Amino acid sequence: MALPDPEPGLVIRYDYVWTHEATAGRDQGKDRPTCLVAATDKTVRPRYVVLLPITHTPPSGDTVGIEIPLKVKQAIGLDDEPSWVIVSEHNVDEWPNAGLSPVPGRPGEIQLWLYSADSLCQGQGHVSGSGQSQKERIRPSIISMK
């Protein structure tokens, strides 16, 4: 199965590089769940995406984040510890890219989750106006890269 087109709400495992790490000269970061929020037009090559980190560390100081509701975390396979999508910094990378990380213990396979921005912001069983339950709006996939 091929990688899907990048679209807002796609959550991937990615080696995210924090701004302070990049400033220190690092070009690889920690493999972590990361949220894709924007992509260039699909007719443009190479395609670029904007990626936001997901972290257990609560935002402080100048850092701005949105807490991920527990129901959303459970639906996309994250642990039950509080997590935030940090919106005050980002990475820009090509799509697809070498920073996509495999499922732990399953080399050559990556896991993707797609959820609506409404489900992140509302954390409700139903997304306002959608008529679909949150579970229906979150679609996990395992993609073989072999």
Protein backbone atom coordinates (compact mmCIF):
# COMPACT_ATOMS: atom_id res chain seq x y z
CA MET A 1 0.00 0.00 0.00
CA ALA A 2 1.33 3.44 -0.90
CA LEU A 3 1.56 6.34 1.49
CA PRO A 4 -1.57 8.48 1.51
CA ASP A 5 -1.55 12.05 0.32
CA PRO A 6 -0.56 14.30 3.20
CA GLU A 7 -3.51 16.06 4.75
CA PRO A 8 -4.20 17.94 7.97
CA GLY A 9 -4.84 15.58 10.87
CA LEU A 10 -2.42 12.88 9.74
CA VAL A 11 -0.37 11.65 12.72
CA ILE A 12 2.88 9.86 11.94
CA ARG A 13 5.98 8.65 13.78
CA TYR A 14 8.69 11.11 12.76
CA ASP A 15 12.14 12.11 13.99
CA TYR A 16 11.08 15.60 15.04
CA VAL A 17 13.88 18.16 15.62
CA TRP A 18 13.01 20.82 18.22
CA THR A 19 14.13 24.39 17.54
CA HIS A 20 16.67 24.28 20.39
CA GLU A 21 18.11 21.04 18.93
CA ALA A 22 18.42 22.56 15.45
CA THR A 23 20.11 25.64 16.92
CA ALA A 24 22.63 23.32 18.58
CA GLY A 25 23.39 21.76 15.18
CA ARG A 26 21.35 18.55 15.39
CA ASP A 27 19.68 17.36 12.21
CA GLN A 28 17.93 14.29 13.65
CA GLY A 29 15.49 14.26 16.51
CA LYS A 30 13.60 11.84 18.69
CA ASP A 31 11.18 9.46 17.02
CA ARG A 32 7.80 10.71 18.27
CA PRO A 33 4.20 10.99 17.17
CA THR A 34 3.93 14.12 15.06
CA CYS A 35 0.92 15.85 13.57
CA LEU A 36 0.89 16.94 9.94
CA VAL A 37 -1.01 20.21 9.59
CA ALA A 38 -0.38 21.53 6.10
CA ALA A 39 0.97 20.42 2.74
CA THR A 40 1.89 22.12 -0.50
CA ASP A 41 -0.30 21.60 -3.55
CA LYS A 42 -0.15 18.02 -4.80
CA THR A 43 0.93 19.17 -8.25
CA VAL A 44 4.13 20.70 -6.83
CA ARG A 45 7.20 18.43 -6.59
CA PRO A 46 8.82 17.97 -4.23
CA ARG A 47 5.89 18.23 -1.84
CA TYR A 48 6.48 19.87 1.51
CA VAL A 49 4.61 19.37 4.78
CA VAL A 50 4.42 21.29 8.06
CA LEU A 51 4.78 19.01 11.09
CA LEU A 52 3.92 19.81 14.71
CA PRO A 53 5.38 17.78 17.60
CA ILE A 54 3.29 15.80 20.08
CA THR A 55 4.77 15.70 23.59
CA HIS A 56 4.01 14.73 27.18
CA THR A 57 5.66 17.95 28.40
CA PRO A 58 3.05 20.62 29.20
CA PRO A 59 3.55 23.93 27.40
CA SER A 60 5.22 26.66 29.46
CA GLY A 61 6.75 30.06 28.88
CA ASP A 62 6.43 30.99 25.20
CA THR A 63 5.43 27.45 24.17
CA VAL A 64 1.81 27.10 23.02
CA GLY A 65 0.05 23.74 22.84
CA ILE A 66 -3.33 22.08 22.54
CA GLU A 67 -3.98 19.19 24.92
CA ILE A 68 -5.09 16.05 23.09
CA PRO A 69 -8.30 14.64 24.60
CA LEU A 70 -7.93 11.16 26.10
CA LYS A 71 -10.56 9.72 23.72
CA VAL A 72 -8.54 10.90 20.72
CA LYS A 73 -5.28 9.53 22.19
CA GLN A 74 -6.87 6.14 22.80
CA ALA A 75 -8.34 6.04 19.30
CA ILE A 76 -4.96 6.70 17.66
CA GLY A 77 -3.01 4.33 19.88
CA LEU A 78 -1.16 6.78 22.14
CA ASP A 79 -0.69 6.16 25.86
CA ASP A 80 -3.01 7.60 28.52
CA GLU A 81 -0.51 10.19 29.82
CA PRO A 82 -1.48 13.81 29.07
CA SER A 83 -0.09 14.99 25.70
CA TRP A 84 -0.05 18.22 23.75
CA VAL A 85 0.28 19.18 20.10
CA ILE A 86 2.76 22.05 20.25
CA VAL A 87 1.68 24.79 17.85
CA SER A 88 4.38 27.36 18.57
CA GLU A 89 7.06 25.52 16.58
CA HIS A 90 7.21 23.20 13.60
CA ASN A 91 9.37 21.28 11.15
CA VAL A 92 9.05 21.58 7.38
CA ASP A 93 10.04 18.50 5.39
CA GLU A 94 9.48 16.80 2.05
CA TRP A 95 6.72 14.22 1.70
CA PRO A 96 7.48 11.39 1.90
CA ASN A 97 10.75 11.72 3.79
CA ALA A 98 13.43 9.73 5.56
CA GLY A 99 12.19 10.99 8.95
CA LEU A 100 9.16 8.67 8.87
CA SER A 101 9.82 6.07 11.54
CA PRO A 102 8.78 2.41 11.51
CA VAL A 103 6.37 0.82 13.95
CA PRO A 104 8.50 -0.38 16.90
CA GLY A 105 9.36 -4.06 16.35
CA ARG A 106 8.05 -4.01 12.75
CA PRO A 107 10.84 -2.82 10.43
CA GLY A 108 9.63 -1.55 7.08
CA GLU A 109 6.16 -0.61 8.32
CA ILE A 110 4.93 2.78 9.43
CA GLN A 111 1.71 3.55 11.26
CA LEU A 112 -0.47 6.48 10.32
CA TRP A 113 -3.54 7.88 12.03
CA LEU A 114 -5.90 10.39 10.53
CA TYR A 115 -8.21 12.46 12.69
CA SER A 116 -10.21 15.60 12.15
CA ALA A 117 -9.09 18.87 13.68
CA ASP A 118 -12.57 19.11 15.21
CA SER A 119 -12.00 15.92 17.20
CA LEU A 120 -8.73 17.30 18.58
CA CYS A 121 -10.23 20.61 19.61
CA GLN A 122 -13.50 19.26 20.97
CA GLY A 123 -12.57 15.85 22.36
CA GLN A 124 -16.22 14.84 22.00
CA GLY A 125 -17.77 11.54 20.94
CA HIS A 126 -19.31 13.40 18.03
CA VAL A 127 -17.80 16.13 15.92
CA SER A 128 -20.11 19.10 15.74
CA GLY A 129 -22.10 19.08 12.52
CA SER A 130 -20.42 15.96 11.13
CA GLY A 131 -22.96 13.31 12.12
CA GLN A 132 -20.04 10.89 12.54
CA SER A 133 -18.69 9.56 15.81
CA GLN A 134 -15.11 10.36 16.69
CA LYS A 135 -14.18 6.71 16.20
CA GLU A 136 -15.41 6.93 12.60
CA ARG A 137 -13.34 10.10 12.05
CA ILE A 138 -10.08 8.51 13.28
CA ARG A 139 -8.71 5.97 10.82
CA PRO A 140 -5.56 4.02 11.78
CA SER A 141 -3.51 2.33 9.04
CA ILE A 142 -0.33 0.28 8.87
CA ILE A 143 1.59 0.91 5.66
CA SER A 144 4.29 -1.51 4.50
CA MET A 145 7.38 0.25 3.19
CA LYS A 146 9.00 -3.00 1.98
